Amino acid sequence: MPAYNRSTATGFEEIDRWNEGFGWIAHPDEDGERASHALKADDGVWVIDPVDAPGIDALLNEFGDVAGVVVLSSHHTRDAGPVAARHDVAVHIPPWMDRIASRVNVPIRRDESVLGGAGFEITRVEPLSLYQGAIAYRETDGTLIVPDLLSSGSAYPVGNERIGVMLGLRPFPPRETFAGIEPERILFGHGEGVFEDATAALDDALSGARKRFPRALVKHLGTNLRLFAAALNE
């Protein structure tokens, strides 16, 4: 399977659905399992790290007009530009994030809140020198969005883990980043979201990351190297 399928999607697989939004994967055949989401807010629908696909606009219309497109990782430009242009909105990024502006042909807005009226608190994360990103958490309903540090996708977990920590961070898992967060649901930039016992799954991922690092290294090193190399072109 390809690391990331750069061809035009012919459809999509809906992966996450709850009252306030939904998620999809446009290329289920790729190893990277790039996931995108749309969240309903008072000011409209916010589209996060989108990979475009035919039929997505029909789902977005169920929740309202698109207020903006959000990119939460410096390597998640994906189809942010085309989706934003189609809905005549800007691409919103955190103030510290580079790289995105040179890869889209639509207005860029740098916002501390990023997700407008959706009520999320944004935390800056830069675990690697080539990576800038943010996690987003809304305490009112326990929604946590994690672009890259964690994933349920096949290139992250080992054993009975429902969530895996990024391979390069397992020796020093980002416990401080998630301190005090007790999510009801976790949405990922790669793979399906976790909607049941999400806090327990998060705690297990962080507490066992280092112990399970050797197993993850053996199982996922090759795939992670391919994904990392492919992501540099994102």
C-alpha atoms as a PDB file:
ATOM      1  CA  MET A   1       0.000   0.000   0.000  1.00  0.00           C
ATOM      2  CA  PRO A   2       1.167   3.597  -0.591  1.00  0.00           C
ATOM      3  CA  ALA A   3       2.303   5.706   2.352  1.00  0.00           C
ATOM      4  CA  TYR A   4       0.032   8.521   1.180  1.00  0.00           C
ATOM      5  CA  ASN A   5      -2.180   8.324  -1.892  1.00  0.00           C
ATOM      6  CA  ARG A   6      -1.794  11.676  -3.689  1.00  0.00           C
ATOM      7  CA  SER A   7      -4.291  10.897  -6.435  1.00  0.00           C
ATOM      8  CA  THR A   8      -7.754  12.458  -6.526  1.00  0.00           C
ATOM      9  CA  ALA A   9     -10.083  10.542  -4.220  1.00  0.00           C
ATOM     10  CA  THR A  10     -13.020   8.743  -5.786  1.00  0.00           C
ATOM     11  CA  GLY A  11     -14.952   8.502  -2.526  1.00  0.00           C
ATOM     12  CA  PHE A  12     -14.440   8.393   1.214  1.00  0.00           C
ATOM     13  CA  GLU A  13     -15.063   6.318   4.301  1.00  0.00           C
ATOM     14  CA  GLU A  14     -16.888   8.012   7.184  1.00  0.00           C
ATOM     15  CA  ILE A  15     -15.072   7.050  10.380  1.00  0.00           C
ATOM     16  CA  ASP A  16     -16.350   9.265  13.191  1.00  0.00           C
ATOM     17  CA  ARG A  17     -19.827  10.650  13.874  1.00  0.00           C
ATOM     18  CA  TRP A  18     -21.375  12.411  16.852  1.00  0.00           C
ATOM     19  CA  ASN A  19     -23.846  15.261  17.371  1.00  0.00           C
ATOM     20  CA  GLU A  20     -21.262  17.973  16.816  1.00  0.00           C
ATOM     21  CA  GLY A  21     -19.361  16.635  13.832  1.00  0.00           C
ATOM     22  CA  PHE A  22     -17.979  13.807  11.748  1.00  0.00           C
ATOM     23  CA  GLY A  23     -14.723  12.464  10.354  1.00  0.00           C
ATOM     24  CA  TRP A  24     -13.648  10.747   7.161  1.00  0.00           C
ATOM     25  CA  ILE A  25     -10.745   9.053   5.394  1.00  0.00           C
ATOM     26  CA  ALA A  26     -10.563   9.748   1.670  1.00  0.00           C
ATOM     27  CA  HIS A  27      -7.971   7.066   0.856  1.00  0.00           C
ATOM     28  CA  PRO A  28      -8.589   3.995   3.057  1.00  0.00           C
ATOM     29  CA  ASP A  29      -5.914   2.120   1.103  1.00  0.00           C
ATOM     30  CA  GLU A  30      -2.969   4.226   2.297  1.00  0.00           C
ATOM     31  CA  ASP A  31      -0.727   3.302   5.211  1.00  0.00           C
ATOM     32  CA  GLY A  32      -0.936   6.829   6.610  1.00  0.00           C
ATOM     33  CA  GLU A  33      -4.730   6.685   7.098  1.00  0.00           C
ATOM     34  CA  ARG A  34      -5.066  10.474   6.883  1.00  0.00           C
ATOM     35  CA  ALA A  35      -8.207  11.463   8.768  1.00  0.00           C
ATOM     36  CA  SER A  36     -10.132  14.711   8.378  1.00  0.00           C
ATOM     37  CA  HIS A  37     -12.903  16.203  10.512  1.00  0.00           C
ATOM     38  CA  ALA A  38     -15.681  18.761  10.499  1.00  0.00           C
ATOM     39  CA  LEU A  39     -16.988  20.354  13.700  1.00  0.00           C
ATOM     40  CA  LYS A  40     -20.170  22.354  14.215  1.00  0.00           C
ATOM     41  CA  ALA A  41     -19.873  25.666  16.093  1.00  0.00           C
ATOM     42  CA  ASP A  42     -21.931  28.799  16.708  1.00  0.00           C
ATOM     43  CA  ASP A  43     -20.255  30.533  13.775  1.00  0.00           C
ATOM     44  CA  GLY A  44     -20.541  27.642  11.296  1.00  0.00           C
ATOM     45  CA  VAL A  45     -18.668  24.469  10.402  1.00  0.00           C
ATOM     46  CA  TRP A  46     -14.911  24.191  10.897  1.00  0.00           C
ATOM     47  CA  VAL A  47     -13.095  21.752   8.614  1.00  0.00           C
ATOM     48  CA  ILE A  48      -9.874  20.320  10.084  1.00  0.00           C
ATOM     49  CA  ASP A  49      -6.881  18.974   8.121  1.00  0.00           C
ATOM     50  CA  PRO A  50      -9.045  17.988   5.138  1.00  0.00           C
ATOM     51  CA  VAL A  51      -8.283  15.497   2.411  1.00  0.00           C
ATOM     52  CA  ASP A  52     -10.899  16.327  -0.214  1.00  0.00           C
ATOM     53  CA  ALA A  53     -13.293  13.795  -1.694  1.00  0.00           C
ATOM     54  CA  PRO A  54     -16.469  13.863  -3.786  1.00  0.00           C
ATOM     55  CA  GLY A  55     -19.564  13.950  -1.617  1.00  0.00           C
ATOM     56  CA  ILE A  56     -17.943  15.674   1.364  1.00  0.00           C
ATOM     57  CA  ASP A  57     -19.812  18.939   0.772  1.00  0.00           C
ATOM     58  CA  ALA A  58     -23.147  17.144   1.154  1.00  0.00           C
ATOM     59  CA  LEU A  59     -22.120  16.022   4.640  1.00  0.00           C
ATOM     60  CA  LEU A  60     -20.782  19.463   5.527  1.00  0.00           C
ATOM     61  CA  ASN A  61     -24.109  20.990   4.514  1.00  0.00           C
ATOM     62  CA  GLU A  62     -25.854  18.847   7.120  1.00  0.00           C
ATOM     63  CA  PHE A  63     -24.080  20.893   9.801  1.00  0.00           C
ATOM     64  CA  GLY A  64     -24.237  24.357   8.216  1.00  0.00           C
ATOM     65  CA  ASP A  65     -22.072  26.737   6.225  1.00  0.00           C
ATOM     66  CA  VAL A  66     -18.294  26.354   6.363  1.00  0.00           C
ATOM     67  CA  ALA A  67     -16.753  29.061   8.578  1.00  0.00           C
ATOM     68  CA  GLY A  68     -13.131  28.160   7.915  1.00  0.00           C
ATOM     69  CA  VAL A  69     -10.557  25.470   7.242  1.00  0.00           C
ATOM     70  CA  VAL A  70      -8.087  24.683  10.023  1.00  0.00           C
ATOM     71  CA  VAL A  71      -4.613  23.140   9.766  1.00  0.00           C
ATOM     72  CA  LEU A  72      -3.213  21.836  13.059  1.00  0.00           C
ATOM     73  CA  SER A  73       0.076  20.393  11.803  1.00  0.00           C
ATOM     74  CA  SER A  74       2.809  21.877   9.659  1.00  0.00           C
ATOM     75  CA  HIS A  75       2.668  18.708   7.536  1.00  0.00           C
ATOM     76  CA  HIS A  76      -1.117  18.594   7.113  1.00  0.00           C
ATOM     77  CA  THR A  77      -1.612  21.082   4.293  1.00  0.00           C
ATOM     78  CA  ARG A  78      -3.393  18.280   2.432  1.00  0.00           C
ATOM     79  CA  ASP A  79      -6.329  19.823   0.494  1.00  0.00           C
ATOM     80  CA  ALA A  80      -6.839  22.785   2.821  1.00  0.00           C
ATOM     81  CA  GLY A  81      -6.423  25.262  -0.033  1.00  0.00           C
ATOM     82  CA  PRO A  82      -8.901  23.731  -2.502  1.00  0.00           C
ATOM     83  CA  VAL A  83     -11.537  23.130   0.196  1.00  0.00           C
ATOM     84  CA  ALA A  84     -11.192  26.696   1.523  1.00  0.00           C
ATOM     85  CA  ALA A  85     -11.342  28.168  -1.995  1.00  0.00           C
ATOM     86  CA  ARG A  86     -14.480  26.213  -2.839  1.00  0.00           C
ATOM     87  CA  HIS A  87     -16.253  27.567   0.230  1.00  0.00           C
ATOM     88  CA  ASP A  88     -14.717  31.063  -0.058  1.00  0.00           C
ATOM     89  CA  VAL A  89     -13.137  30.970   3.393  1.00  0.00           C
ATOM     90  CA  ALA A  90      -9.629  31.358   4.817  1.00  0.00           C
ATOM     91  CA  VAL A  91      -7.205  28.719   6.065  1.00  0.00           C
ATOM     92  CA  HIS A  92      -6.638  29.230   9.802  1.00  0.00           C
ATOM     93  CA  ILE A  93      -3.367  28.229  11.459  1.00  0.00           C
ATOM     94  CA  PRO A  94      -1.721  28.862  14.858  1.00  0.00           C
ATOM     95  CA  PRO A  95       0.474  32.005  14.918  1.00  0.00           C
ATOM     96  CA  TRP A  96       3.704  30.019  15.319  1.00  0.00           C
ATOM     97  CA  MET A  97       3.148  27.582  12.456  1.00  0.00           C
ATOM     98  CA  ASP A  98       5.308  27.948   9.338  1.00  0.00           C
ATOM     99  CA  ARG A  99       5.242  26.081   6.028  1.00  0.00           C
ATOM    100  CA  ILE A 100       1.477  26.168   5.374  1.00  0.00           C
ATOM    101  CA  ALA A 101       1.254  29.677   3.918  1.00  0.00           C
ATOM    102  CA  SER A 102       3.585  28.822   1.025  1.00  0.00           C
ATOM    103  CA  ARG A 103       1.490  25.784   0.105  1.00  0.00           C
ATOM    104  CA  VAL A 104      -1.994  27.296  -0.304  1.00  0.00           C
ATOM    105  CA  ASN A 105      -3.376  29.951  -2.642  1.00  0.00           C
ATOM    106  CA  VAL A 106      -6.070  31.302  -0.326  1.00  0.00           C
ATOM    107  CA  PRO A 107      -5.980  33.830   2.535  1.00  0.00           C
ATOM    108  CA  ILE A 108      -4.183  32.660   5.683  1.00  0.00           C
ATOM    109  CA  ARG A 109      -5.307  33.758   9.135  1.00  0.00           C
ATOM    110  CA  ARG A 110      -3.105  33.221  12.170  1.00  0.00           C
ATOM    111  CA  ASP A 111      -5.259  32.868  15.282  1.00  0.00           C
ATOM    112  CA  GLU A 112      -4.553  31.867  18.864  1.00  0.00           C
ATOM    113  CA  SER A 113      -7.948  30.156  19.058  1.00  0.00           C
ATOM    114  CA  VAL A 114      -7.751  28.779  15.466  1.00  0.00           C
ATOM    115  CA  LEU A 115     -11.195  27.149  15.683  1.00  0.00           C
ATOM    116  CA  GLY A 116     -13.161  30.389  15.947  1.00  0.00           C
ATOM    117  CA  GLY A 117     -16.367  30.046  17.956  1.00  0.00           C
ATOM    118  CA  ALA A 118     -15.957  26.322  18.537  1.00  0.00           C
ATOM    119  CA  GLY A 119     -14.570  26.881  22.040  1.00  0.00           C
ATOM    120  CA  PHE A 120     -11.313  24.915  21.886  1.00  0.00           C
ATOM    121  CA  GLU A 121      -8.145  25.600  23.850  1.00  0.00           C
ATOM    122  CA  ILE A 122      -5.028  25.189  21.714  1.00  0.00           C
ATOM    123  CA  THR A 123      -1.725  23.809  23.028  1.00  0.00           C
ATOM    124  CA  ARG A 124       1.489  24.226  21.044  1.00  0.00           C
ATOM    125  CA  VAL A 125       3.531  21.079  20.407  1.00  0.00           C
ATOM    126  CA  GLU A 126       6.924  20.855  18.694  1.00  0.00           C
ATOM    127  CA  PRO A 127       8.356  17.454  19.559  1.00  0.00           C
ATOM    128  CA  LEU A 128      10.610  17.275  16.514  1.00  0.00           C
ATOM    129  CA  SER A 129      12.707  19.946  14.823  1.00  0.00           C
ATOM    130  CA  LEU A 130      10.878  19.434  11.510  1.00  0.00           C
ATOM    131  CA  TYR A 131       7.400  19.472  13.031  1.00  0.00           C
ATOM    132  CA  GLN A 132       5.144  22.236  14.356  1.00  0.00           C
ATOM    133  CA  GLY A 133       1.665  21.480  15.549  1.00  0.00           C
ATOM    134  CA  ALA A 134      -1.084  21.904  18.079  1.00  0.00           C
ATOM    135  CA  ILE A 135      -3.588  19.826  19.967  1.00  0.00           C
ATOM    136  CA  ALA A 136      -7.078  21.207  20.562  1.00  0.00           C
ATOM    137  CA  TYR A 137      -9.264  20.445  23.580  1.00  0.00           C
ATOM    138  CA  ARG A 138     -12.809  21.523  24.420  1.00  0.00           C
ATOM    139  CA  GLU A 139     -13.472  20.848  28.085  1.00  0.00           C
ATOM    140  CA  THR A 140     -17.223  21.472  27.837  1.00  0.00           C
ATOM    141  CA  ASP A 141     -17.797  18.234  25.936  1.00  0.00           C
ATOM    142  CA  GLY A 142     -14.419  16.513  26.305  1.00  0.00           C
ATOM    143  CA  THR A 143     -13.442  16.621  22.630  1.00  0.00           C
ATOM    144  CA  LEU A 144      -9.685  16.273  22.060  1.00  0.00           C
ATOM    145  CA  ILE A 145      -8.072  16.650  18.625  1.00  0.00           C
ATOM    146  CA  VAL A 146      -4.558  15.255  18.145  1.00  0.00           C
ATOM    147  CA  PRO A 147      -3.051  15.574  14.646  1.00  0.00           C
ATOM    148  CA  ASP A 148       0.118  13.482  15.022  1.00  0.00           C
ATOM    149  CA  LEU A 149       1.363  12.751  18.545  1.00  0.00           C
ATOM    150  CA  LEU A 150      -1.138   9.948  19.074  1.00  0.00           C
ATOM    151  CA  SER A 151      -3.094   7.692  16.741  1.00  0.00           C
ATOM    152  CA  SER A 152      -5.296   4.641  16.560  1.00  0.00           C
ATOM    153  CA  GLY A 153      -3.956   3.958  13.060  1.00  0.00           C
ATOM    154  CA  SER A 154      -2.067   0.814  12.191  1.00  0.00           C
ATOM    155  CA  ALA A 155       1.379   2.496  12.349  1.00  0.00           C
ATOM    156  CA  TYR A 156       1.093   3.474  16.045  1.00  0.00           C
ATOM    157  CA  PRO A 157      -0.404   0.989  18.563  1.00  0.00           C
ATOM    158  CA  VAL A 158       1.024  -2.360  19.626  1.00  0.00           C
ATOM    159  CA  GLY A 159      -0.498  -5.209  21.605  1.00  0.00           C
ATOM    160  CA  ASN A 160      -3.751  -4.251  23.298  1.00  0.00           C
ATOM    161  CA  GLU A 161      -3.232  -0.509  22.913  1.00  0.00           C
ATOM    162  CA  ARG A 162      -6.194   1.354  21.476  1.00  0.00           C
ATOM    163  CA  ILE A 163      -4.016   4.441  21.057  1.00  0.00           C
ATOM    164  CA  GLY A 164      -0.337   4.521  20.217  1.00  0.00           C
ATOM    165  CA  VAL A 165       2.223   7.255  20.853  1.00  0.00           C
ATOM    166  CA  MET A 166       4.295   8.479  17.908  1.00  0.00           C
ATOM    167  CA  LEU A 167       7.218   6.072  17.621  1.00  0.00           C
ATOM    168  CA  GLY A 168       9.946   8.679  18.079  1.00  0.00           C
ATOM    169  CA  LEU A 169       8.294   9.970  21.264  1.00  0.00           C
ATOM    170  CA  ARG A 170       7.754   6.647  23.017  1.00  0.00           C
ATOM    171  CA  PRO A 171      10.984   6.831  25.055  1.00  0.00           C
ATOM    172  CA  PHE A 172       9.816  10.221  26.405  1.00  0.00           C
ATOM    173  CA  PRO A 173       6.013  10.266  26.016  1.00  0.00           C
ATOM    174  CA  PRO A 174       4.344  13.720  26.086  1.00  0.00           C
ATOM    175  CA  ARG A 175       2.605  13.346  29.458  1.00  0.00           C
ATOM    176  CA  GLU A 176       2.813  17.065  30.289  1.00  0.00           C
ATOM    177  CA  THR A 177       1.072  17.971  27.043  1.00  0.00           C
ATOM    178  CA  PHE A 178      -1.997  15.991  28.080  1.00  0.00           C
ATOM    179  CA  ALA A 179      -1.866  16.674  31.824  1.00  0.00           C
ATOM    180  CA  GLY A 180      -5.300  17.485  33.217  1.00  0.00           C
ATOM    181  CA  ILE A 181      -7.120  16.466  30.032  1.00  0.00           C
ATOM    182  CA  GLU A 182      -9.907  13.904  30.474  1.00  0.00           C
ATOM    183  CA  PRO A 183     -11.452  13.438  27.046  1.00  0.00           C
ATOM    184  CA  GLU A 184     -14.798  11.889  26.207  1.00  0.00           C
ATOM    185  CA  ARG A 185     -13.647  11.431  22.615  1.00  0.00           C
ATOM    186  CA  ILE A 186     -10.316  11.735  20.808  1.00  0.00           C
ATOM    187  CA  LEU A 187     -10.059  12.612  17.118  1.00  0.00           C
ATOM    188  CA  PHE A 188      -6.837  11.871  15.290  1.00  0.00           C
ATOM    189  CA  GLY A 189      -5.121  13.156  12.178  1.00  0.00           C
ATOM    190  CA  HIS A 190      -4.452   9.514  11.304  1.00  0.00           C
ATOM    191  CA  GLY A 191      -6.946   6.728  11.955  1.00  0.00           C
ATOM    192  CA  GLU A 192     -10.379   6.407  13.537  1.00  0.00           C
ATOM    193  CA  GLY A 193     -11.307   8.301  16.663  1.00  0.00           C
ATOM    194  CA  VAL A 194     -11.738   6.788  20.119  1.00  0.00           C
ATOM    195  CA  PHE A 195     -15.205   7.341  21.565  1.00  0.00           C
ATOM    196  CA  GLU A 196     -15.402   4.784  24.387  1.00  0.00           C
ATOM    197  CA  ASP A 197     -13.407   5.104  27.621  1.00  0.00           C
ATOM    198  CA  ALA A 198     -11.208   7.673  25.886  1.00  0.00           C
ATOM    199  CA  THR A 199      -9.512   8.900  29.068  1.00  0.00           C
ATOM    200  CA  ALA A 200      -8.522   5.364  30.052  1.00  0.00           C
ATOM    201  CA  ALA A 201      -7.163   4.709  26.555  1.00  0.00           C
ATOM    202  CA  LEU A 202      -5.149   7.939  26.677  1.00  0.00           C
ATOM    203  CA  ASP A 203      -3.732   7.143  30.117  1.00  0.00           C
ATOM    204  CA  ASP A 204      -2.724   3.659  29.005  1.00  0.00           C
ATOM    205  CA  ALA A 205      -1.024   4.979  25.863  1.00  0.00           C
ATOM    206  CA  LEU A 206       1.073   7.478  27.809  1.00  0.00           C
ATOM    207  CA  SER A 207       1.894   5.297  30.811  1.00  0.00           C
ATOM    208  CA  GLY A 208       2.936   2.287  28.729  1.00  0.00           C
ATOM    209  CA  ALA A 209       4.626   4.027  25.799  1.00  0.00           C
ATOM    210  CA  ARG A 210       8.194   3.609  27.012  1.00  0.00           C
ATOM    211  CA  LYS A 211       7.731   0.026  28.197  1.00  0.00           C
ATOM    212  CA  ARG A 212       6.283  -0.990  24.850  1.00  0.00           C
ATOM    213  CA  PHE A 213       8.819   0.972  22.782  1.00  0.00           C
ATOM    214  CA  PRO A 214      10.987  -2.048  21.800  1.00  0.00           C
ATOM    215  CA  ARG A 215       7.956  -3.903  20.486  1.00  0.00           C
ATOM    216  CA  ALA A 216       6.736  -0.843  18.601  1.00  0.00           C
ATOM    217  CA  LEU A 217      10.199  -0.287  17.130  1.00  0.00           C
ATOM    218  CA  VAL A 218      10.320  -3.795  15.699  1.00  0.00           C
ATOM    219  CA  LYS A 219       6.765  -3.658  14.381  1.00  0.00           C
ATOM    220  CA  HIS A 220       6.535  -0.102  13.061  1.00  0.00           C
ATOM    221  CA  LEU A 221      10.008   1.253  12.250  1.00  0.00           C
ATOM    222  CA  GLY A 222       9.890   0.492   8.529  1.00  0.00           C
ATOM    223  CA  THR A 223       6.395   1.926   8.085  1.00  0.00           C
ATOM    224  CA  ASN A 224       7.208   5.017  10.129  1.00  0.00           C
ATOM    225  CA  LEU A 225      10.315   5.763   8.083  1.00  0.00           C
ATOM    226  CA  ARG A 226       8.250   5.564   4.885  1.00  0.00           C
ATOM    227  CA  LEU A 227       5.527   7.793   6.350  1.00  0.00           C
ATOM    228  CA  PHE A 228       8.064  10.323   7.593  1.00  0.00           C
ATOM    229  CA  ALA A 229       9.771  10.562   4.209  1.00  0.00           C
ATOM    230  CA  ALA A 230       6.429  10.941   2.441  1.00  0.00           C
ATOM    231  CA  ALA A 231       5.220  13.574   4.915  1.00  0.00           C
ATOM    232  CA  LEU A 232       8.134  15.867   4.025  1.00  0.00           C
ATOM    233  CA  ASN A 233       6.379  16.443   0.694  1.00  0.00           C
ATOM    234  CA  GLU A 234       3.009  17.245   2.295  1.00  0.00           C
END
